[in-house]
Amino acid sequence: MKVPRDVTAARLVKALRALGYERIRQDGSHIRLTTQLNGVHHVTVPNHQPLKVGTLVGGVLKPVAAHHGITVEELLTKLGL
């Protein structure tokens, strides 16, 4: 799996809209997103430029992929990252 290393929080938030995620709130440097697709799911994205690879994969992509029942690779393709 090739994970992009230049993903910003703004780009990720915009990409996650394709899966129905909407910005609910921002508390400091953390953006909270929620979707109603496949049940309610919340994810927090740090507002960093760029996101660290470990944070991107472990903190955002893996939970989102698990919620939607797809692999991280499929998620990256779906999001266009």
PDB file of N, CA and C in Angstrom:
ATOM      1  N   MET A   1       0.842  -1.177   0.000  1.00  0.00           N
ATOM      2  CA  MET A   1       0.000   0.000   0.000  1.00  0.00           C
ATOM      3  C   MET A   1       0.885   1.238   0.000  1.00  0.00           C
ATOM      4  N   LYS A   2       0.644   2.121  -0.916  1.00  0.00           N
ATOM      5  CA  LYS A   2       1.388   3.372  -1.016  1.00  0.00           C
ATOM      6  C   LYS A   2       0.506   4.494  -0.466  1.00  0.00           C
ATOM      7  N   VAL A   3       0.926   5.025   0.682  1.00  0.00           N
ATOM      8  CA  VAL A   3       0.169   6.089   1.331  1.00  0.00           C
ATOM      9  C   VAL A   3       0.761   7.434   0.923  1.00  0.00           C
ATOM     10  N   PRO A   4      -0.074   8.363   0.449  1.00  0.00           N
ATOM     11  CA  PRO A   4       0.445   9.680   0.084  1.00  0.00           C
ATOM     12  C   PRO A   4       0.990  10.406   1.309  1.00  0.00           C
ATOM     13  N   ARG A   5       2.058  11.152   1.127  1.00  0.00           N
ATOM     14  CA  ARG A   5       2.727  11.818   2.239  1.00  0.00           C
ATOM     15  C   ARG A   5       2.487  13.317   2.281  1.00  0.00           C
ATOM     16  N   ASP A   6       1.666  13.809   1.375  1.00  0.00           N
ATOM     17  CA  ASP A   6       1.439  15.249   1.303  1.00  0.00           C
ATOM     18  C   ASP A   6      -0.030  15.626   1.527  1.00  0.00           C
ATOM     19  N   VAL A   7      -0.769  14.793   2.246  1.00  0.00           N
ATOM     20  CA  VAL A   7      -2.193  15.037   2.453  1.00  0.00           C
ATOM     21  C   VAL A   7      -2.390  16.049   3.580  1.00  0.00           C
ATOM     22  N   THR A   8      -3.098  17.118   3.284  1.00  0.00           N
ATOM     23  CA  THR A   8      -3.411  18.122   4.298  1.00  0.00           C
ATOM     24  C   THR A   8      -4.784  17.802   4.883  1.00  0.00           C
ATOM     25  N   ALA A   9      -5.072  18.375   6.026  1.00  0.00           N
ATOM     26  CA  ALA A   9      -6.366  18.162   6.673  1.00  0.00           C
ATOM     27  C   ALA A   9      -7.501  18.655   5.777  1.00  0.00           C
ATOM     28  N   ALA A  10      -7.329  19.805   5.158  1.00  0.00           N
ATOM     29  CA  ALA A  10      -8.373  20.363   4.293  1.00  0.00           C
ATOM     30  C   ALA A  10      -8.667  19.429   3.123  1.00  0.00           C
ATOM     31  N   ARG A  11      -7.633  18.869   2.529  1.00  0.00           N
ATOM     32  CA  ARG A  11      -7.804  17.946   1.406  1.00  0.00           C
ATOM     33  C   ARG A  11      -8.510  16.670   1.859  1.00  0.00           C
ATOM     34  N   LEU A  12      -8.148  16.154   3.026  1.00  0.00           N
ATOM     35  CA  LEU A  12      -8.758  14.940   3.551  1.00  0.00           C
ATOM     36  C   LEU A  12     -10.230  15.160   3.891  1.00  0.00           C
ATOM     37  N   VAL A  13     -10.543  16.294   4.523  1.00  0.00           N
ATOM     38  CA  VAL A  13     -11.934  16.609   4.863  1.00  0.00           C
ATOM     39  C   VAL A  13     -12.767  16.699   3.589  1.00  0.00           C
ATOM     40  N   LYS A  14     -12.238  17.337   2.574  1.00  0.00           N
ATOM     41  CA  LYS A  14     -12.944  17.464   1.299  1.00  0.00           C
ATOM     42  C   LYS A  14     -13.152  16.096   0.660  1.00  0.00           C
ATOM     43  N   ALA A  15     -12.135  15.229   0.712  1.00  0.00           N
ATOM     44  CA  ALA A  15     -12.232  13.894   0.126  1.00  0.00           C
ATOM     45  C   ALA A  15     -13.248  13.029   0.871  1.00  0.00           C
ATOM     46  N   LEU A  16     -13.308  13.168   2.183  1.00  0.00           N
ATOM     47  CA  LEU A  16     -14.229  12.350   2.981  1.00  0.00           C
ATOM     48  C   LEU A  16     -15.691  12.721   2.747  1.00  0.00           C
ATOM     49  N   ARG A  17     -15.946  13.854   2.130  1.00  0.00           N
ATOM     50  CA  ARG A  17     -17.320  14.216   1.787  1.00  0.00           C
ATOM     51  C   ARG A  17     -17.932  13.202   0.826  1.00  0.00           C
ATOM     52  N   ALA A  18     -17.092  12.532   0.028  1.00  0.00           N
ATOM     53  CA  ALA A  18     -17.576  11.518  -0.916  1.00  0.00           C
ATOM     54  C   ALA A  18     -18.228  10.344  -0.180  1.00  0.00           C
ATOM     55  N   LEU A  19     -17.873  10.143   1.084  1.00  0.00           N
ATOM     56  CA  LEU A  19     -18.452   9.070   1.890  1.00  0.00           C
ATOM     57  C   LEU A  19     -19.511   9.600   2.851  1.00  0.00           C
ATOM     58  N   GLY A  20     -19.953  10.818   2.630  1.00  0.00           N
ATOM     59  CA  GLY A  20     -21.026  11.380   3.428  1.00  0.00           C
ATOM     60  C   GLY A  20     -20.594  12.050   4.722  1.00  0.00           C
ATOM     61  N   TYR A  21     -19.288  12.220   4.931  1.00  0.00           N
ATOM     62  CA  TYR A  21     -18.817  12.863   6.160  1.00  0.00           C
ATOM     63  C   TYR A  21     -19.021  14.367   6.057  1.00  0.00           C
ATOM     64  N   GLU A  22     -19.508  14.944   7.150  1.00  0.00           N
ATOM     65  CA  GLU A  22     -19.719  16.386   7.225  1.00  0.00           C
ATOM     66  C   GLU A  22     -19.001  16.933   8.453  1.00  0.00           C
ATOM     67  N   ARG A  23     -18.510  18.147   8.328  1.00  0.00           N
ATOM     68  CA  ARG A  23     -17.854  18.809   9.456  1.00  0.00           C
ATOM     69  C   ARG A  23     -18.919  19.175  10.481  1.00  0.00           C
ATOM     70  N   ILE A  24     -18.742  18.669  11.691  1.00  0.00           N
ATOM     71  CA  ILE A  24     -19.681  18.953  12.767  1.00  0.00           C
ATOM     72  C   ILE A  24     -19.176  20.112  13.610  1.00  0.00           C
ATOM     73  N   ARG A  25     -17.896  20.073  13.952  1.00  0.00           N
ATOM     74  CA  ARG A  25     -17.317  21.147  14.762  1.00  0.00           C
ATOM     75  C   ARG A  25     -15.805  21.118  14.623  1.00  0.00           C
ATOM     76  N   GLN A  26     -15.190  22.188  15.087  1.00  0.00           N
ATOM     77  CA  GLN A  26     -13.733  22.262  15.168  1.00  0.00           C
ATOM     78  C   GLN A  26     -13.384  22.787  16.546  1.00  0.00           C
ATOM     79  N   ASP A  27     -12.555  22.039  17.241  1.00  0.00           N
ATOM     80  CA  ASP A  27     -12.117  22.420  18.582  1.00  0.00           C
ATOM     81  C   ASP A  27     -10.601  22.579  18.540  1.00  0.00           C
ATOM     82  N   GLY A  28     -10.133  23.812  18.486  1.00  0.00           N
ATOM     83  CA  GLY A  28      -8.693  24.035  18.362  1.00  0.00           C
ATOM     84  C   GLY A  28      -8.208  23.552  17.012  1.00  0.00           C
ATOM     85  N   SER A  29      -7.248  22.636  17.032  1.00  0.00           N
ATOM     86  CA  SER A  29      -6.679  22.139  15.780  1.00  0.00           C
ATOM     87  C   SER A  29      -7.245  20.772  15.388  1.00  0.00           C
ATOM     88  N   HIS A  30      -8.414  20.408  15.890  1.00  0.00           N
ATOM     89  CA  HIS A  30      -9.027  19.133  15.558  1.00  0.00           C
ATOM     90  C   HIS A  30     -10.411  19.351  14.955  1.00  0.00           C
ATOM     91  N   ILE A  31     -10.634  18.702  13.805  1.00  0.00           N
ATOM     92  CA  ILE A  31     -11.887  18.816  13.078  1.00  0.00           C
ATOM     93  C   ILE A  31     -12.666  17.520  13.280  1.00  0.00           C
ATOM     94  N   ARG A  32     -13.905  17.623  13.729  1.00  0.00           N
ATOM     95  CA  ARG A  32     -14.745  16.452  13.982  1.00  0.00           C
ATOM     96  C   ARG A  32     -15.699  16.273  12.815  1.00  0.00           C
ATOM     97  N   LEU A  33     -15.664  15.074  12.196  1.00  0.00           N
ATOM     98  CA  LEU A  33     -16.527  14.748  11.072  1.00  0.00           C
ATOM     99  C   LEU A  33     -17.469  13.619  11.460  1.00  0.00           C
ATOM    100  N   THR A  34     -18.674  13.629  10.891  1.00  0.00           N
ATOM    101  CA  THR A  34     -19.660  12.592  11.168  1.00  0.00           C
ATOM    102  C   THR A  34     -20.359  12.202   9.875  1.00  0.00           C
ATOM    103  N   THR A  35     -20.687  10.905   9.767  1.00  0.00           N
ATOM    104  CA  THR A  35     -21.484  10.415   8.652  1.00  0.00           C
ATOM    105  C   THR A  35     -22.646   9.605   9.190  1.00  0.00           C
ATOM    106  N   GLN A  36     -23.707   9.544   8.408  1.00  0.00           N
ATOM    107  CA  GLN A  36     -24.871   8.732   8.739  1.00  0.00           C
ATOM    108  C   GLN A  36     -24.936   7.488   7.862  1.00  0.00           C
ATOM    109  N   LEU A  37     -24.052   7.385   6.849  1.00  0.00           N
ATOM    110  CA  LEU A  37     -24.035   6.229   5.958  1.00  0.00           C
ATOM    111  C   LEU A  37     -23.531   5.008   6.705  1.00  0.00           C
ATOM    112  N   ASN A  38     -24.221   3.884   6.552  1.00  0.00           N
ATOM    113  CA  ASN A  38     -23.872   2.617   7.223  1.00  0.00           C
ATOM    114  C   ASN A  38     -23.896   2.767   8.735  1.00  0.00           C
ATOM    115  N   GLY A  39     -24.740   3.625   9.254  1.00  0.00           N
ATOM    116  CA  GLY A  39     -24.782   3.893  10.687  1.00  0.00           C
ATOM    117  C   GLY A  39     -23.967   5.132  11.012  1.00  0.00           C
ATOM    118  N   VAL A  40     -24.119   5.619  12.225  1.00  0.00           N
ATOM    119  CA  VAL A  40     -23.411   6.832  12.627  1.00  0.00           C
ATOM    120  C   VAL A  40     -21.941   6.513  12.887  1.00  0.00           C
ATOM    121  N   HIS A  41     -21.050   7.353  12.360  1.00  0.00           N
ATOM    122  CA  HIS A  41     -19.617   7.188  12.594  1.00  0.00           C
ATOM    123  C   HIS A  41     -18.982   8.567  12.708  1.00  0.00           C
ATOM    124  N   HIS A  42     -18.133   8.720  13.722  1.00  0.00           N
ATOM    125  CA  HIS A  42     -17.413   9.971  13.953  1.00  0.00           C
ATOM    126  C   HIS A  42     -15.922   9.725  13.755  1.00  0.00           C
ATOM    127  N   VAL A  43     -15.233  10.715  13.231  1.00  0.00           N
ATOM    128  CA  VAL A  43     -13.779  10.656  13.096  1.00  0.00           C
ATOM    129  C   VAL A  43     -13.233  12.061  13.332  1.00  0.00           C
ATOM    130  N   THR A  44     -12.080  12.119  13.967  1.00  0.00           N
ATOM    131  CA  THR A  44     -11.429  13.402  14.244  1.00  0.00           C
ATOM    132  C   THR A  44     -10.180  13.519  13.389  1.00  0.00           C
ATOM    133  N   VAL A  45     -10.059  14.634  12.685  1.00  0.00           N
ATOM    134  CA  VAL A  45      -8.912  14.889  11.810  1.00  0.00           C
ATOM    135  C   VAL A  45      -8.122  16.056  12.382  1.00  0.00           C
ATOM    136  N   PRO A  46      -6.832  15.842  12.696  1.00  0.00           N
ATOM    137  CA  PRO A  46      -6.009  16.971  13.154  1.00  0.00           C
ATOM    138  C   PRO A  46      -5.815  17.963  12.005  1.00  0.00           C
ATOM    139  N   ASN A  47      -5.919  19.229  12.279  1.00  0.00           N
ATOM    140  CA  ASN A  47      -5.779  20.255  11.241  1.00  0.00           C
ATOM    141  C   ASN A  47      -4.303  20.608  11.077  1.00  0.00           C
ATOM    142  N   HIS A  48      -3.547  19.666  10.501  1.00  0.00           N
ATOM    143  CA  HIS A  48      -2.111  19.839  10.293  1.00  0.00           C
ATOM    144  C   HIS A  48      -1.804  19.837   8.810  1.00  0.00           C
ATOM    145  N   GLN A  49      -0.713  20.488   8.454  1.00  0.00           N
ATOM    146  CA  GLN A  49      -0.308  20.623   7.050  1.00  0.00           C
ATOM    147  C   GLN A  49       1.128  20.166   6.867  1.00  0.00           C
ATOM    148  N   PRO A  50       1.441  19.014   6.354  1.00  0.00           N
ATOM    149  CA  PRO A  50       0.580  17.877   6.052  1.00  0.00           C
ATOM    150  C   PRO A  50       0.388  16.992   7.274  1.00  0.00           C
ATOM    151  N   LEU A  51      -0.534  16.035   7.143  1.00  0.00           N
ATOM    152  CA  LEU A  51      -0.767  15.073   8.219  1.00  0.00           C
ATOM    153  C   LEU A  51       0.373  14.065   8.256  1.00  0.00           C
ATOM    154  N   LYS A  52       0.776  13.645   9.450  1.00  0.00           N
ATOM    155  CA  LYS A  52       1.781  12.594   9.571  1.00  0.00           C
ATOM    156  C   LYS A  52       1.174  11.293   9.065  1.00  0.00           C
ATOM    157  N   VAL A  53       1.986  10.455   8.439  1.00  0.00           N
ATOM    158  CA  VAL A  53       1.503   9.224   7.830  1.00  0.00           C
ATOM    159  C   VAL A  53       0.856   8.316   8.870  1.00  0.00           C
ATOM    160  N   GLY A  54       1.443   8.185  10.042  1.00  0.00           N
ATOM    161  CA  GLY A  54       0.876   7.339  11.088  1.00  0.00           C
ATOM    162  C   GLY A  54      -0.474   7.825  11.555  1.00  0.00           C
ATOM    163  N   THR A  55      -0.625   9.125  11.674  1.00  0.00           N
ATOM    164  CA  THR A  55      -1.902   9.711  12.068  1.00  0.00           C
ATOM    165  C   THR A  55      -2.936   9.512  10.965  1.00  0.00           C
ATOM    166  N   LEU A  56      -2.533   9.723   9.742  1.00  0.00           N
ATOM    167  CA  LEU A  56      -3.429   9.574   8.598  1.00  0.00           C
ATOM    168  C   LEU A  56      -3.962   8.147   8.512  1.00  0.00           C
ATOM    169  N   VAL A  57      -3.055   7.170   8.577  1.00  0.00           N
ATOM    170  CA  VAL A  57      -3.467   5.776   8.416  1.00  0.00           C
ATOM    171  C   VAL A  57      -4.159   5.246   9.668  1.00  0.00           C
ATOM    172  N   GLY A  58      -3.495   5.329  10.809  1.00  0.00           N
ATOM    173  CA  GLY A  58      -4.024   4.734  12.031  1.00  0.00           C
ATOM    174  C   GLY A  58      -5.176   5.485  12.653  1.00  0.00           C
ATOM    175  N   GLY A  59      -5.163   6.798  12.549  1.00  0.00           N
ATOM    176  CA  GLY A  59      -6.178   7.603  13.218  1.00  0.00           C
ATOM    177  C   GLY A  59      -7.381   7.951  12.385  1.00  0.00           C
ATOM    178  N   VAL A  60      -7.238   7.897  11.048  1.00  0.00           N
ATOM    179  CA  VAL A  60      -8.352   8.313  10.196  1.00  0.00           C
ATOM    180  C   VAL A  60      -8.734   7.221   9.194  1.00  0.00           C
ATOM    181  N   LEU A  61      -7.793   6.789   8.372  1.00  0.00           N
ATOM    182  CA  LEU A  61      -8.131   5.875   7.278  1.00  0.00           C
ATOM    183  C   LEU A  61      -8.598   4.495   7.753  1.00  0.00           C
ATOM    184  N   LYS A  62      -7.896   3.903   8.718  1.00  0.00           N
ATOM    185  CA  LYS A  62      -8.293   2.570   9.188  1.00  0.00           C
ATOM    186  C   LYS A  62      -9.684   2.560   9.809  1.00  0.00           C
ATOM    187  N   PRO A  63     -10.001   3.505  10.717  1.00  0.00           N
ATOM    188  CA  PRO A  63     -11.363   3.505  11.261  1.00  0.00           C
ATOM    189  C   PRO A  63     -12.445   3.766  10.207  1.00  0.00           C
ATOM    190  N   VAL A  64     -12.175   4.639   9.260  1.00  0.00           N
ATOM    191  CA  VAL A  64     -13.162   4.932   8.212  1.00  0.00           C
ATOM    192  C   VAL A  64     -13.350   3.698   7.326  1.00  0.00           C
ATOM    193  N   ALA A  65     -12.247   3.065   6.947  1.00  0.00           N
ATOM    194  CA  ALA A  65     -12.330   1.862   6.113  1.00  0.00           C
ATOM    195  C   ALA A  65     -13.088   0.752   6.842  1.00  0.00           C
ATOM    196  N   ALA A  66     -12.805   0.562   8.113  1.00  0.00           N
ATOM    197  CA  ALA A  66     -13.491  -0.477   8.894  1.00  0.00           C
ATOM    198  C   ALA A  66     -14.987  -0.193   8.972  1.00  0.00           C
ATOM    199  N   HIS A  67     -15.351   1.049   9.169  1.00  0.00           N
ATOM    200  CA  HIS A  67     -16.770   1.408   9.262  1.00  0.00           C
ATOM    201  C   HIS A  67     -17.497   1.092   7.963  1.00  0.00           C
ATOM    202  N   HIS A  68     -16.858   1.335   6.835  1.00  0.00           N
ATOM    203  CA  HIS A  68     -17.497   1.121   5.539  1.00  0.00           C
ATOM    204  C   HIS A  68     -17.251  -0.274   4.977  1.00  0.00           C
ATOM    205  N   GLY A  69     -16.502  -1.108   5.696  1.00  0.00           N
ATOM    206  CA  GLY A  69     -16.288  -2.494   5.282  1.00  0.00           C
ATOM    207  C   GLY A  69     -15.409  -2.653   4.059  1.00  0.00           C
ATOM    208  N   ILE A  70     -14.427  -1.759   3.911  1.00  0.00           N
ATOM    209  CA  ILE A  70     -13.488  -1.842   2.789  1.00  0.00           C
ATOM    210  C   ILE A  70     -12.068  -1.782   3.333  1.00  0.00           C
ATOM    211  N   THR A  71     -11.106  -2.071   2.464  1.00  0.00           N
ATOM    212  CA  THR A  71      -9.710  -1.999   2.877  1.00  0.00           C
ATOM    213  C   THR A  71      -9.211  -0.558   2.762  1.00  0.00           C
ATOM    214  N   VAL A  72      -8.071  -0.296   3.383  1.00  0.00           N
ATOM    215  CA  VAL A  72      -7.476   1.041   3.309  1.00  0.00           C
ATOM    216  C   VAL A  72      -7.117   1.372   1.863  1.00  0.00           C
ATOM    217  N   GLU A  73      -6.635   0.378   1.119  1.00  0.00           N
ATOM    218  CA  GLU A  73      -6.282   0.602  -0.289  1.00  0.00           C
ATOM    219  C   GLU A  73      -7.507   1.016  -1.095  1.00  0.00           C
ATOM    220  N   GLU A  74      -8.637   0.319  -0.881  1.00  0.00           N
ATOM    221  CA  GLU A  74      -9.871   0.663  -1.572  1.00  0.00           C
ATOM    222  C   GLU A  74     -10.346   2.061  -1.183  1.00  0.00           C
ATOM    223  N   LEU A  75     -10.180   2.396   0.089  1.00  0.00           N
ATOM    224  CA  LEU A  75     -10.571   3.723   0.572  1.00  0.00           C
ATOM    225  C   LEU A  75      -9.739   4.810  -0.090  1.00  0.00           C
ATOM    226  N   LEU A  76      -8.429   4.606  -0.172  1.00  0.00           N
ATOM    227  CA  LEU A  76      -7.556   5.589  -0.827  1.00  0.00           C
ATOM    228  C   LEU A  76      -7.976   5.811  -2.274  1.00  0.00           C
ATOM    229  N   THR A  77      -8.326   4.736  -2.966  1.00  0.00           N
ATOM    230  CA  THR A  77      -8.774   4.840  -4.362  1.00  0.00           C
ATOM    231  C   THR A  77     -10.091   5.596  -4.445  1.00  0.00           C
ATOM    232  N   LYS A  78     -11.026   5.256  -3.557  1.00  0.00           N
ATOM    233  CA  LYS A  78     -12.340   5.893  -3.552  1.00  0.00           C
ATOM    234  C   LYS A  78     -12.245   7.389  -3.261  1.00  0.00           C
ATOM    235  N   LEU A  79     -11.310   7.752  -2.369  1.00  0.00           N
ATOM    236  CA  LEU A  79     -11.142   9.157  -2.007  1.00  0.00           C
ATOM    237  C   LEU A  79     -10.283   9.932  -2.995  1.00  0.00           C
ATOM    238  N   GLY A  80      -9.587   9.221  -3.874  1.00  0.00           N
ATOM    239  CA  GLY A  80      -8.731   9.881  -4.858  1.00  0.00           C
ATOM    240  C   GLY A  80      -7.454  10.441  -4.261  1.00  0.00           C
ATOM    241  N   LEU A  81      -6.951   9.787  -3.215  1.00  0.00           N
ATOM    242  CA  LEU A  81      -5.719  10.265  -2.559  1.00  0.00           C
ATOM    243  C   LEU A  81      -4.511   9.543  -3.095  1.00  0.00           C
TER     244      LEU A  81
END
